PDB file of N, CA and C in Angstrom:
ATOM      1  N   MET A   1       0.887  -1.118  -0.030  1.00  0.00           N
ATOM      2  CA  MET A   1      -0.023   0.038  -0.060  1.00  0.00           C
ATOM      3  C   MET A   1       0.933   1.279  -0.025  1.00  0.00           C
ATOM      4  N   ARG A   2       2.041   1.075   0.936  1.00  0.00           N
ATOM      5  CA  ARG A   2       2.703   2.504   0.937  1.00  0.00           C
ATOM      6  C   ARG A   2       3.617   2.578  -0.488  1.00  0.00           C
ATOM      7  N   TRP A   3       3.905   1.652  -1.189  1.00  0.00           N
ATOM      8  CA  TRP A   3       4.609   1.629  -2.371  1.00  0.00           C
ATOM      9  C   TRP A   3       3.477   2.434  -3.561  1.00  0.00           C
ATOM     10  N   LYS A   4       2.414   1.944  -3.504  1.00  0.00           N
ATOM     11  CA  LYS A   4       1.192   2.591  -4.391  1.00  0.00           C
ATOM     12  C   LYS A   4       0.827   4.030  -4.103  1.00  0.00           C
ATOM     13  N   GLN A   5       1.022   4.514  -2.639  1.00  0.00           N
ATOM     14  CA  GLN A   5       0.969   5.694  -2.544  1.00  0.00           C
ATOM     15  C   GLN A   5       1.872   6.574  -2.846  1.00  0.00           C
ATOM     16  N   LYS A   6       3.181   6.250  -2.665  1.00  0.00           N
ATOM     17  CA  LYS A   6       4.328   6.968  -3.028  1.00  0.00           C
ATOM     18  C   LYS A   6       4.366   7.269  -4.539  1.00  0.00           C
ATOM     19  N   HIS A   7       4.027   6.203  -5.224  1.00  0.00           N
ATOM     20  CA  HIS A   7       3.888   6.327  -6.628  1.00  0.00           C
ATOM     21  C   HIS A   7       2.812   7.218  -7.141  1.00  0.00           C
ATOM     22  N   THR A   8       1.604   7.070  -6.565  1.00  0.00           N
ATOM     23  CA  THR A   8       0.592   7.810  -6.641  1.00  0.00           C
ATOM     24  C   THR A   8       0.841   9.282  -6.620  1.00  0.00           C
ATOM     25  N   SER A   9       1.565   9.805  -5.266  1.00  0.00           N
ATOM     26  CA  SER A   9       1.914  10.998  -5.235  1.00  0.00           C
ATOM     27  C   SER A   9       3.139  11.564  -5.940  1.00  0.00           C
ATOM     28  N   LEU A  10       3.890  10.898  -6.621  1.00  0.00           N
ATOM     29  CA  LEU A  10       4.606  11.222  -7.430  1.00  0.00           C
ATOM     30  C   LEU A  10       4.366  11.487  -8.798  1.00  0.00           C
ATOM     31  N   LEU A  11       3.124  10.517  -9.202  1.00  0.00           N
ATOM     32  CA  LEU A  11       2.483  10.803 -10.625  1.00  0.00           C
ATOM     33  C   LEU A  11       1.549  12.166 -10.649  1.00  0.00           C
ATOM     34  N   VAL A  12       1.135  12.499  -9.678  1.00  0.00           N
ATOM     35  CA  VAL A  12       0.179  13.424  -9.264  1.00  0.00           C
ATOM     36  C   VAL A  12       0.956  14.901  -9.532  1.00  0.00           C
ATOM     37  N   ILE A  13       2.243  14.806  -8.694  1.00  0.00           N
ATOM     38  CA  ILE A  13       3.207  16.152  -8.792  1.00  0.00           C
ATOM     39  C   ILE A  13       3.487  16.120 -10.216  1.00  0.00           C
ATOM     40  N   ALA A  14       4.097  15.025 -10.858  1.00  0.00           N
ATOM     41  CA  ALA A  14       4.615  15.384 -12.174  1.00  0.00           C
ATOM     42  C   ALA A  14       3.544  15.414 -13.403  1.00  0.00           C
ATOM     43  N   THR A  15       2.291  14.966 -13.294  1.00  0.00           N
ATOM     44  CA  THR A  15       1.460  15.493 -14.096  1.00  0.00           C
ATOM     45  C   THR A  15       0.722  16.714 -13.864  1.00  0.00           C
ATOM     46  N   GLY A  16       0.520  17.426 -12.705  1.00  0.00           N
ATOM     47  CA  GLY A  16       0.142  18.602 -12.305  1.00  0.00           C
ATOM     48  C   GLY A  16       1.013  19.661 -12.834  1.00  0.00           C
ATOM     49  N   PHE A  17       2.302  19.652 -12.705  1.00  0.00           N
ATOM     50  CA  PHE A  17       3.483  20.355 -13.175  1.00  0.00           C
ATOM     51  C   PHE A  17       3.654  20.246 -14.513  1.00  0.00           C
ATOM     52  N   ALA A  18       3.491  19.249 -15.091  1.00  0.00           N
ATOM     53  CA  ALA A  18       3.678  19.140 -16.390  1.00  0.00           C
ATOM     54  C   ALA A  18       2.297  19.764 -17.374  1.00  0.00           C
ATOM     55  N   ILE A  19       1.307  19.777 -16.709  1.00  0.00           N
ATOM     56  CA  ILE A  19       0.029  20.627 -17.446  1.00  0.00           C
ATOM     57  C   ILE A  19       0.344  21.963 -16.973  1.00  0.00           C
ATOM     58  N   LEU A  20       0.703  22.440 -16.155  1.00  0.00           N
ATOM     59  CA  LEU A  20       1.211  23.875 -15.625  1.00  0.00           C
ATOM     60  C   LEU A  20       2.171  24.384 -16.860  1.00  0.00           C
ATOM     61  N   PHE A  21       3.206  23.416 -17.225  1.00  0.00           N
ATOM     62  CA  PHE A  21       4.092  23.604 -18.145  1.00  0.00           C
ATOM     63  C   PHE A  21       3.433  24.079 -19.384  1.00  0.00           C
ATOM     64  N   LEU A  22       2.357  22.894 -19.775  1.00  0.00           N
ATOM     65  CA  LEU A  22       1.662  23.407 -20.881  1.00  0.00           C
ATOM     66  C   LEU A  22       0.919  24.627 -21.085  1.00  0.00           C
ATOM     67  N   VAL A  23       0.344  24.789 -20.012  1.00  0.00           N
ATOM     68  CA  VAL A  23      -0.335  25.868 -20.256  1.00  0.00           C
ATOM     69  C   VAL A  23       0.355  27.350 -20.215  1.00  0.00           C
ATOM     70  N   PHE A  24       1.362  27.300 -19.306  1.00  0.00           N
ATOM     71  CA  PHE A  24       2.185  28.884 -18.891  1.00  0.00           C
ATOM     72  C   PHE A  24       3.460  29.000 -19.807  1.00  0.00           C
ATOM     73  N   LYS A  25       3.927  27.800 -20.483  1.00  0.00           N
ATOM     74  CA  LYS A  25       5.057  27.859 -21.011  1.00  0.00           C
ATOM     75  C   LYS A  25       6.469  28.206 -20.412  1.00  0.00           C
ATOM     76  N   ASN A  26       6.268  28.029 -19.052  1.00  0.00           N
ATOM     77  CA  ASN A  26       7.432  28.299 -18.156  1.00  0.00           C
ATOM     78  C   ASN A  26       8.558  27.025 -17.977  1.00  0.00           C
ATOM     79  N   TYR A  27       9.573  27.260 -18.538  1.00  0.00           N
ATOM     80  CA  TYR A  27      10.380  25.879 -18.382  1.00  0.00           C
ATOM     81  C   TYR A  27      10.729  25.577 -16.850  1.00  0.00           C
ATOM     82  N   TRP A  28      10.845  26.462 -15.932  1.00  0.00           N
ATOM     83  CA  TRP A  28      11.121  26.132 -14.571  1.00  0.00           C
ATOM     84  C   TRP A  28      10.086  25.111 -13.863  1.00  0.00           C
ATOM     85  N   LEU A  29       8.893  24.994 -14.606  1.00  0.00           N
ATOM     86  CA  LEU A  29       7.864  23.982 -14.164  1.00  0.00           C
ATOM     87  C   LEU A  29       8.038  22.655 -14.693  1.00  0.00           C
ATOM     88  N   LEU A  30       9.246  22.578 -15.439  1.00  0.00           N
ATOM     89  CA  LEU A  30       9.574  21.010 -15.792  1.00  0.00           C
ATOM     90  C   LEU A  30      10.579  20.644 -14.791  1.00  0.00           C
ATOM     91  N   ALA A  31      10.902  21.439 -13.681  1.00  0.00           N
ATOM     92  CA  ALA A  31      12.073  20.915 -12.755  1.00  0.00           C
ATOM     93  C   ALA A  31      11.330  19.868 -11.770  1.00  0.00           C
ATOM     94  N   PRO A  32       9.882  20.362 -11.309  1.00  0.00           N
ATOM     95  CA  PRO A  32       9.251  19.183 -10.536  1.00  0.00           C
ATOM     96  C   PRO A  32       8.838  17.861 -11.077  1.00  0.00           C
ATOM     97  N   VAL A  33       8.891  18.023 -12.612  1.00  0.00           N
ATOM     98  CA  VAL A  33       8.431  16.944 -13.157  1.00  0.00           C
ATOM     99  C   VAL A  33       9.781  16.019 -13.159  1.00  0.00           C
ATOM    100  N   ALA A  34      11.170  16.573 -13.489  1.00  0.00           N
ATOM    101  CA  ALA A  34      12.264  15.744 -13.539  1.00  0.00           C
ATOM    102  C   ALA A  34      12.455  15.100 -12.294  1.00  0.00           C
ATOM    103  N   ILE A  35      12.068  16.215 -10.994  1.00  0.00           N
ATOM    104  CA  ILE A  35      12.524  15.581  -9.560  1.00  0.00           C
ATOM    105  C   ILE A  35      11.525  14.325  -9.239  1.00  0.00           C
ATOM    106  N   SER A  36      10.184  14.523  -9.740  1.00  0.00           N
ATOM    107  CA  SER A  36       9.276  13.356  -9.689  1.00  0.00           C
ATOM    108  C   SER A  36       9.664  12.180 -10.333  1.00  0.00           C
ATOM    109  N   VAL A  37      10.311  12.289 -11.747  1.00  0.00           N
ATOM    110  CA  VAL A  37      10.734  11.056 -12.417  1.00  0.00           C
ATOM    111  C   VAL A  37      12.271  10.445 -11.580  1.00  0.00           C
ATOM    112  N   LEU A  38      12.930  11.347 -11.107  1.00  0.00           N
ATOM    113  CA  LEU A  38      13.947  10.890 -10.435  1.00  0.00           C
ATOM    114  C   LEU A  38      13.478  10.011  -9.008  1.00  0.00           C
ATOM    115  N   GLY A  39      12.501  10.595  -8.590  1.00  0.00           N
ATOM    116  CA  GLY A  39      11.770   9.691  -7.199  1.00  0.00           C
ATOM    117  C   GLY A  39      11.394   8.432  -7.497  1.00  0.00           C
ATOM    118  N   PHE A  40      10.952   8.151  -8.942  1.00  0.00           N
ATOM    119  CA  PHE A  40      10.585   7.083  -9.082  1.00  0.00           C
ATOM    120  C   PHE A  40      12.042   6.060  -9.298  1.00  0.00           C
ATOM    121  N   ALA A  41      13.039   6.437 -10.069  1.00  0.00           N
ATOM    122  CA  ALA A  41      14.203   5.812  -9.921  1.00  0.00           C
ATOM    123  C   ALA A  41      14.938   5.554  -8.589  1.00  0.00           C
ATOM    124  N   ILE A  42      15.133   6.405  -7.767  1.00  0.00           N
ATOM    125  CA  ILE A  42      15.822   6.549  -6.605  1.00  0.00           C
ATOM    126  C   ILE A  42      14.676   6.408  -5.281  1.00  0.00           C
ATOM    127  N   SER A  43      14.427   5.133  -4.783  1.00  0.00           N
ATOM    128  CA  SER A  43      13.234   4.811  -3.906  1.00  0.00           C
ATOM    129  C   SER A  43      13.076   6.003  -2.579  1.00  0.00           C
ATOM    130  N   PRO A  44      14.610   5.960  -1.838  1.00  0.00           N
ATOM    131  CA  PRO A  44      14.629   6.757  -0.822  1.00  0.00           C
ATOM    132  C   PRO A  44      14.357   8.383  -0.965  1.00  0.00           C
ATOM    133  N   PHE A  45      14.571   8.497  -2.222  1.00  0.00           N
ATOM    134  CA  PHE A  45      14.296   9.975  -2.646  1.00  0.00           C
ATOM    135  C   PHE A  45      12.649  10.285  -2.999  1.00  0.00           C
ATOM    136  N   GLY A  46      12.484   9.161  -3.622  1.00  0.00           N
ATOM    137  CA  GLY A  46      10.859   9.058  -3.598  1.00  0.00           C
ATOM    138  C   GLY A  46       9.967   9.314  -2.410  1.00  0.00           C
ATOM    139  N   GLU A  47      10.683   8.565  -1.302  1.00  0.00           N
ATOM    140  CA  GLU A  47       9.761   8.605   0.084  1.00  0.00           C
ATOM    141  C   GLU A  47       9.864   9.985   0.667  1.00  0.00           C
ATOM    142  N   ILE A  48      11.142  10.657   0.259  1.00  0.00           N
ATOM    143  CA  ILE A  48      11.267  11.860   1.004  1.00  0.00           C
ATOM    144  C   ILE A  48      10.280  12.775   0.055  1.00  0.00           C
ATOM    145  N   ILE A  49      10.067  12.762  -1.119  1.00  0.00           N
ATOM    146  CA  ILE A  49       9.246  13.543  -1.680  1.00  0.00           C
ATOM    147  C   ILE A  49       7.628  13.388  -1.472  1.00  0.00           C
ATOM    148  N   HIS A  50       7.461  11.761  -1.157  1.00  0.00           N
ATOM    149  CA  HIS A  50       6.015  11.711  -0.733  1.00  0.00           C
ATOM    150  C   HIS A  50       5.806  12.040   0.623  1.00  0.00           C
ATOM    151  N   TRP A  51       6.648  12.140   1.410  1.00  0.00           N
ATOM    152  CA  TRP A  51       6.481  12.585   2.925  1.00  0.00           C
ATOM    153  C   TRP A  51       6.218  14.293   2.832  1.00  0.00           C
ATOM    154  N   ALA A  52       7.236  14.998   1.983  1.00  0.00           N
ATOM    155  CA  ALA A  52       7.037  16.294   2.025  1.00  0.00           C
ATOM    156  C   ALA A  52       5.488  16.696   1.231  1.00  0.00           C
ATOM    157  N   TRP A  53       5.073  15.869   0.160  1.00  0.00           N
ATOM    158  CA  TRP A  53       3.677  16.191  -0.311  1.00  0.00           C
ATOM    159  C   TRP A  53       2.957  16.047   0.642  1.00  0.00           C
ATOM    160  N   LEU A  54       2.736  14.864   1.541  1.00  0.00           N
ATOM    161  CA  LEU A  54       1.737  14.693   2.812  1.00  0.00           C
ATOM    162  C   LEU A  54       1.827  15.858   3.698  1.00  0.00           C
ATOM    163  N   MET A  55       2.917  16.374   4.074  1.00  0.00           N
ATOM    164  CA  MET A  55       3.361  17.480   5.052  1.00  0.00           C
ATOM    165  C   MET A  55       2.521  18.628   4.458  1.00  0.00           C
ATOM    166  N   LEU A  56       2.656  18.862   3.387  1.00  0.00           N
ATOM    167  CA  LEU A  56       2.012  20.020   2.527  1.00  0.00           C
ATOM    168  C   LEU A  56       0.721  19.886   2.601  1.00  0.00           C
ATOM    169  N   ALA A  57      -0.062  18.811   2.439  1.00  0.00           N
ATOM    170  CA  ALA A  57      -1.340  18.415   2.486  1.00  0.00           C
ATOM    171  C   ALA A  57      -2.081  18.815   3.633  1.00  0.00           C
ATOM    172  N   LYS A  58      -1.049  18.289   4.606  1.00  0.00           N
ATOM    173  CA  LYS A  58      -1.557  18.300   6.118  1.00  0.00           C
ATOM    174  C   LYS A  58      -1.696  20.053   6.542  1.00  0.00           C
ATOM    175  N   VAL A  59      -0.645  20.609   6.317  1.00  0.00           N
ATOM    176  CA  VAL A  59      -0.557  22.097   6.530  1.00  0.00           C
ATOM    177  C   VAL A  59      -1.662  22.706   5.803  1.00  0.00           C
ATOM    178  N   LEU A  60      -1.748  22.575   4.554  1.00  0.00           N
ATOM    179  CA  LEU A  60      -2.837  23.263   4.015  1.00  0.00           C
ATOM    180  C   LEU A  60      -4.235  22.968   4.243  1.00  0.00           C
ATOM    181  N   GLY A  61      -4.513  21.584   4.626  1.00  0.00           N
ATOM    182  CA  GLY A  61      -5.770  21.329   5.155  1.00  0.00           C
ATOM    183  C   GLY A  61      -6.162  21.898   6.474  1.00  0.00           C
ATOM    184  N   TYR A  62      -5.006  21.980   7.167  1.00  0.00           N
ATOM    185  CA  TYR A  62      -5.306  22.691   8.665  1.00  0.00           C
ATOM    186  C   TYR A  62      -5.736  24.139   8.394  1.00  0.00           C
ATOM    187  N   ILE A  63      -4.704  24.894   7.694  1.00  0.00           N
ATOM    188  CA  ILE A  63      -5.219  26.192   7.452  1.00  0.00           C
ATOM    189  C   ILE A  63      -6.361  26.628   6.879  1.00  0.00           C
ATOM    190  N   ASN A  64      -6.539  25.900   5.613  1.00  0.00           N
ATOM    191  CA  ASN A  64      -7.827  25.998   5.033  1.00  0.00           C
ATOM    192  C   ASN A  64      -9.076  25.493   5.586  1.00  0.00           C
ATOM    193  N   SER A  65      -9.165  24.691   6.643  1.00  0.00           N
ATOM    194  CA  SER A  65     -10.245  24.409   7.547  1.00  0.00           C
ATOM    195  C   SER A  65     -10.513  25.494   8.616  1.00  0.00           C
ATOM    196  N   ARG A  66      -9.568  26.174   9.143  1.00  0.00           N
ATOM    197  CA  ARG A  66      -9.527  27.253   9.794  1.00  0.00           C
ATOM    198  C   ARG A  66     -10.238  28.416   9.092  1.00  0.00           C
ATOM    199  N   ILE A  67      -9.529  28.746   8.141  1.00  0.00           N
ATOM    200  CA  ILE A  67     -10.348  29.916   7.333  1.00  0.00           C
ATOM    201  C   ILE A  67     -11.410  29.732   6.866  1.00  0.00           C
ATOM    202  N   LEU A  68     -12.017  28.598   6.148  1.00  0.00           N
ATOM    203  CA  LEU A  68     -13.162  28.077   5.720  1.00  0.00           C
ATOM    204  C   LEU A  68     -14.442  28.235   6.907  1.00  0.00           C
ATOM    205  N   LEU A  69     -13.916  27.860   7.974  1.00  0.00           N
ATOM    206  CA  LEU A  69     -14.965  27.949   9.264  1.00  0.00           C
ATOM    207  C   LEU A  69     -15.111  29.011   9.589  1.00  0.00           C
ATOM    208  N   PHE A  70     -14.169  30.077   9.671  1.00  0.00           N
ATOM    209  CA  PHE A  70     -14.031  31.239  10.135  1.00  0.00           C
ATOM    210  C   PHE A  70     -15.058  32.265   9.219  1.00  0.00           C
ATOM    211  N   LEU A  71     -14.963  31.849   7.899  1.00  0.00           N
ATOM    212  CA  LEU A  71     -15.788  32.753   6.915  1.00  0.00           C
ATOM    213  C   LEU A  71     -17.048  32.339   6.937  1.00  0.00           C
ATOM    214  N   ILE A  72     -17.482  31.078   7.216  1.00  0.00           N
ATOM    215  CA  ILE A  72     -18.751  30.674   6.898  1.00  0.00           C
ATOM    216  C   ILE A  72     -19.263  31.098   8.555  1.00  0.00           C
ATOM    217  N   PHE A  73     -18.711  31.104   9.659  1.00  0.00           N
ATOM    218  CA  PHE A  73     -19.227  31.871  10.514  1.00  0.00           C
ATOM    219  C   PHE A  73     -19.766  33.208  10.564  1.00  0.00           C
ATOM    220  N   PHE A  74     -18.389  33.872  10.068  1.00  0.00           N
ATOM    221  CA  PHE A  74     -18.751  35.243  10.409  1.00  0.00           C
ATOM    222  C   PHE A  74     -19.342  36.070   9.169  1.00  0.00           C
ATOM    223  N   VAL A  75     -19.451  35.249   7.983  1.00  0.00           N
ATOM    224  CA  VAL A  75     -20.106  35.981   6.752  1.00  0.00           C
ATOM    225  C   VAL A  75     -21.481  35.331   6.626  1.00  0.00           C
ATOM    226  N   ILE A  76     -21.853  34.182   7.107  1.00  0.00           N
ATOM    227  CA  ILE A  76     -23.072  33.670   6.822  1.00  0.00           C
ATOM    228  C   ILE A  76     -23.753  33.236   8.131  1.00  0.00           C
ATOM    229  N   LEU A  77     -23.306  32.930   9.022  1.00  0.00           N
ATOM    230  CA  LEU A  77     -24.138  32.559  10.569  1.00  0.00           C
ATOM    231  C   LEU A  77     -24.340  33.895  11.265  1.00  0.00           C
ATOM    232  N   THR A  78     -23.425  34.595  11.413  1.00  0.00           N
ATOM    233  CA  THR A  78     -23.614  36.072  11.946  1.00  0.00           C
ATOM    234  C   THR A  78     -24.646  36.825  11.470  1.00  0.00           C
ATOM    235  N   PRO A  79     -24.544  37.214  10.399  1.00  0.00           N
ATOM    236  CA  PRO A  79     -25.572  37.996   9.923  1.00  0.00           C
ATOM    237  C   PRO A  79     -26.903  37.446   9.947  1.00  0.00           C
ATOM    238  N   ILE A  80     -27.107  36.147   9.841  1.00  0.00           N
ATOM    239  CA  ILE A  80     -28.391  35.468   9.840  1.00  0.00           C
ATOM    240  C   ILE A  80     -28.860  35.555  11.187  1.00  0.00           C
ATOM    241  N   ALA A  81     -28.045  35.465  12.355  1.00  0.00           N
ATOM    242  CA  ALA A  81     -28.312  35.286  13.765  1.00  0.00           C
ATOM    243  C   ALA A  81     -28.591  36.947  14.104  1.00  0.00           C
ATOM    244  N   PHE A  82     -28.232  37.818  13.574  1.00  0.00           N
ATOM    245  CA  PHE A  82     -28.513  39.184  13.602  1.00  0.00           C
ATOM    246  C   PHE A  82     -29.900  39.612  13.236  1.00  0.00           C
ATOM    247  N   LEU A  83     -30.167  39.066  12.078  1.00  0.00           N
ATOM    248  CA  LEU A  83     -31.485  39.316  11.364  1.00  0.00           C
ATOM    249  C   LEU A  83     -32.674  38.562  12.004  1.00  0.00           C
ATOM    250  N   ARG A  84     -32.256  37.169  12.577  1.00  0.00           N
ATOM    251  CA  ARG A  84     -33.363  36.615  13.337  1.00  0.00           C
ATOM    252  C   ARG A  84     -33.367  37.154  14.685  1.00  0.00           C
ATOM    253  N   LYS A  85     -32.439  37.808  15.359  1.00  0.00           N
ATOM    254  CA  LYS A  85     -32.871  38.511  16.683  1.00  0.00           C
ATOM    255  C   LYS A  85     -33.571  39.727  16.362  1.00  0.00           C
ATOM    256  N   LEU A  86     -33.508  40.592  15.205  1.00  0.00           N
ATOM    257  CA  LEU A  86     -34.083  42.017  14.833  1.00  0.00           C
ATOM    258  C   LEU A  86     -35.846  41.482  14.419  1.00  0.00           C
ATOM    259  N   PHE A  87     -35.944  40.349  13.593  1.00  0.00           N
ATOM    260  CA  PHE A  87     -37.227  40.171  13.094  1.00  0.00           C
ATOM    261  C   PHE A  87     -37.969  39.090  13.634  1.00  0.00           C
ATOM    262  N   GLY A  88     -37.382  38.338  14.405  1.00  0.00           N
ATOM    263  CA  GLY A  88     -37.597  36.913  14.760  1.00  0.00           C
ATOM    264  C   GLY A  88     -38.804  37.275  16.004  1.00  0.00           C
ATOM    265  N   LYS A  89     -39.563  36.165  16.218  1.00  0.00           N
ATOM    266  CA  LYS A  89     -40.814  36.148  17.381  1.00  0.00           C
ATOM    267  C   LYS A  89     -39.845  36.112  18.563  1.00  0.00           C
ATOM    268  N   LYS A  90     -40.605  36.488  19.612  1.00  0.00           N
ATOM    269  CA  LYS A  90     -39.854  36.308  21.016  1.00  0.00           C
ATOM    270  C   LYS A  90     -40.461  35.271  21.519  1.00  0.00           C
ATOM    271  N   ASN A  91     -39.436  33.970  21.924  1.00  0.00           N
ATOM    272  CA  ASN A  91     -39.705  32.843  22.399  1.00  0.00           C
ATOM    273  C   ASN A  91     -40.189  32.928  24.063  1.00  0.00           C
ATOM    274  N   LEU A  92     -39.575  33.903  24.683  1.00  0.00           N
ATOM    275  CA  LEU A  92     -40.284  34.127  26.146  1.00  0.00           C
ATOM    276  C   LEU A  92     -41.291  35.210  26.406  1.00  0.00           C
ATOM    277  N   PRO A  93     -42.269  35.296  27.108  1.00  0.00           N
ATOM    278  CA  PRO A  93     -43.370  36.294  27.322  1.00  0.00           C
ATOM    279  C   PRO A  93     -42.742  37.454  27.850  1.00  0.00           C
ATOM    280  N   ASN A  94     -42.856  38.649  27.676  1.00  0.00           N
ATOM    281  CA  ASN A  94     -42.298  39.970  28.278  1.00  0.00           C
ATOM    282  C   ASN A  94     -43.117  40.315  29.357  1.00  0.00           C
ATOM    283  N   ASN A  95     -43.486  39.385  30.357  1.00  0.00           N
ATOM    284  CA  ASN A  95     -43.964  39.563  31.653  1.00  0.00           C
ATOM    285  C   ASN A  95     -42.952  39.657  32.532  1.00  0.00           C
ATOM    286  N   HIS A  96     -42.507  40.943  33.169  1.00  0.00           N
ATOM    287  CA  HIS A  96     -41.155  41.034  34.089  1.00  0.00           C
ATOM    288  C   HIS A  96     -42.180  40.906  35.653  1.00  0.00           C
ATOM    289  N   SER A  97     -43.317  40.754  35.651  1.00  0.00           N
ATOM    290  CA  SER A  97     -43.599  40.748  36.983  1.00  0.00           C
ATOM    291  C   SER A  97     -43.566  39.202  37.692  1.00  0.00           C
ATOM    292  N   ILE A  98     -43.241  38.157  36.879  1.00  0.00           N
ATOM    293  CA  ILE A  98     -43.353  36.969  37.269  1.00  0.00           C
ATOM    294  C   ILE A  98     -41.664  36.650  37.834  1.00  0.00           C
ATOM    295  N   ASN A  99     -41.422  35.558  38.660  1.00  0.00           N
ATOM    296  CA  ASN A  99     -40.198  35.484  39.136  1.00  0.00           C
ATOM    297  C   ASN A  99     -39.406  34.387  38.293  1.00  0.00           C
ATOM    298  N   SER A 100     -40.371  33.466  37.701  1.00  0.00           N
ATOM    299  CA  SER A 100     -39.660  32.515  36.815  1.00  0.00           C
ATOM    300  C   SER A 100     -40.638  32.223  35.632  1.00  0.00           C
ATOM    301  N   TYR A 101     -39.925  31.557  34.465  1.00  0.00           N
ATOM    302  CA  TYR A 101     -40.757  31.061  33.454  1.00  0.00           C
ATOM    303  C   TYR A 101     -40.944  29.759  33.359  1.00  0.00           C
ATOM    304  N   PHE A 102     -40.830  29.084  34.417  1.00  0.00           N
ATOM    305  CA  PHE A 102     -41.176  27.659  34.459  1.00  0.00           C
ATOM    306  C   PHE A 102     -42.603  27.205  34.650  1.00  0.00           C
ATOM    307  N   GLN A 103     -43.048  26.498  33.708  1.00  0.00           N
ATOM    308  CA  GLN A 103     -44.548  25.980  33.716  1.00  0.00           C
ATOM    309  C   GLN A 103     -44.526  24.543  34.457  1.00  0.00           C
ATOM    310  N   ILE A 104     -45.517  24.400  35.346  1.00  0.00           N
ATOM    311  CA  ILE A 104     -45.781  23.334  36.051  1.00  0.00           C
ATOM    312  C   ILE A 104     -46.779  22.479  34.982  1.00  0.00           C
ATOM    313  N   ARG A 105     -46.357  21.349  34.426  1.00  0.00           N
ATOM    314  CA  ARG A 105     -47.234  20.583  33.935  1.00  0.00           C
ATOM    315  C   ARG A 105     -47.734  19.287  34.796  1.00  0.00           C
ATOM    316  N   ASN A 106     -48.828  19.121  34.977  1.00  0.00           N
ATOM    317  CA  ASN A 106     -49.445  17.859  35.695  1.00  0.00           C
ATOM    318  C   ASN A 106     -50.094  16.888  34.836  1.00  0.00           C
ATOM    319  N   LYS A 107     -49.139  16.253  34.157  1.00  0.00           N
ATOM    320  CA  LYS A 107     -49.549  14.933  33.324  1.00  0.00           C
ATOM    321  C   LYS A 107     -49.174  13.863  34.129  1.00  0.00           C
ATOM    322  N   ARG A 108     -50.069  12.848  33.823  1.00  0.00           N
ATOM    323  CA  ARG A 108     -49.632  11.355  34.318  1.00  0.00           C
ATOM    324  C   ARG A 108     -49.413  10.773  32.930  1.00  0.00           C
ATOM    325  N   TYR A 109     -48.114  10.192  33.046  1.00  0.00           N
ATOM    326  CA  TYR A 109     -47.348   9.657  31.706  1.00  0.00           C
ATOM    327  C   TYR A 109     -48.069   8.362  31.868  1.00  0.00           C
ATOM    328  N   GLN A 110     -48.367   7.584  30.513  1.00  0.00           N
ATOM    329  CA  GLN A 110     -48.915   6.307  30.440  1.00  0.00           C
ATOM    330  C   GLN A 110     -47.912   5.697  29.622  1.00  0.00           C
ATOM    331  N   ALA A 111     -48.027   4.260  29.544  1.00  0.00           N
ATOM    332  CA  ALA A 111     -46.894   3.459  28.899  1.00  0.00           C
ATOM    333  C   ALA A 111     -46.870   3.883  27.276  1.00  0.00           C
ATOM    334  N   SER A 112     -48.122   4.218  26.735  1.00  0.00           N
ATOM    335  CA  SER A 112     -48.043   4.443  25.293  1.00  0.00           C
ATOM    336  C   SER A 112     -47.536   5.673  24.876  1.00  0.00           C
ATOM    337  N   ASP A 113     -47.268   6.669  25.947  1.00  0.00           N
ATOM    338  CA  ASP A 113     -46.207   7.937  25.875  1.00  0.00           C
ATOM    339  C   ASP A 113     -45.004   7.520  25.791  1.00  0.00           C
ATOM    340  N   LEU A 114     -44.341   6.210  25.901  1.00  0.00           N
ATOM    341  CA  LEU A 114     -42.997   5.965  25.892  1.00  0.00           C
ATOM    342  C   LEU A 114     -42.972   5.160  24.672  1.00  0.00           C
ATOM    343  N   GLN A 115     -43.709   4.884  24.087  1.00  0.00           N
ATOM    344  CA  GLN A 115     -43.628   3.625  23.000  1.00  0.00           C
ATOM    345  C   GLN A 115     -42.852   4.121  21.685  1.00  0.00           C
ATOM    346  N   ASN A 116     -43.303   5.416  21.287  1.00  0.00           N
ATOM    347  CA  ASN A 116     -42.749   6.450  20.080  1.00  0.00           C
ATOM    348  C   ASN A 116     -42.246   7.722  20.388  1.00  0.00           C
ATOM    349  N   PRO A 117     -41.300   8.115  21.026  1.00  0.00           N
ATOM    350  CA  PRO A 117     -40.991   9.190  21.669  1.00  0.00           C
ATOM    351  C   PRO A 117     -40.673  10.092  20.348  1.00  0.00           C
ATOM    352  N   TRP A 118     -40.528   9.612  19.280  1.00  0.00           N
ATOM    353  CA  TRP A 118     -40.269  10.646  18.209  1.00  0.00           C
ATOM    354  C   TRP A 118     -41.319  10.621  17.132  1.00  0.00           C
TER     355      TRP A 118
END
């Protein structure tokens, strides 16, 4: 499994930079392709490239998840919460003369009440 993962990573790197070379016509983009091909030939070198690729993926995943969560929370959820607070219905009555909002329910539960709670 490890051998297949290493070679898959090297193929992804080589293919990605080869496509970038074809699009942008910059010859420096061929260097990662050559390094990936060298990684196929020399196994320890390929392991180092594979490890570096996985570390880059972990770092980018860590950063991107934090950025995306931040943006979703502050760009989408916070305005929705403010709008709901402004225009939503009041869940509690505005009766300030009472000490508690607790309501006593005198209900005798039967076995049929617990058969299908949802």
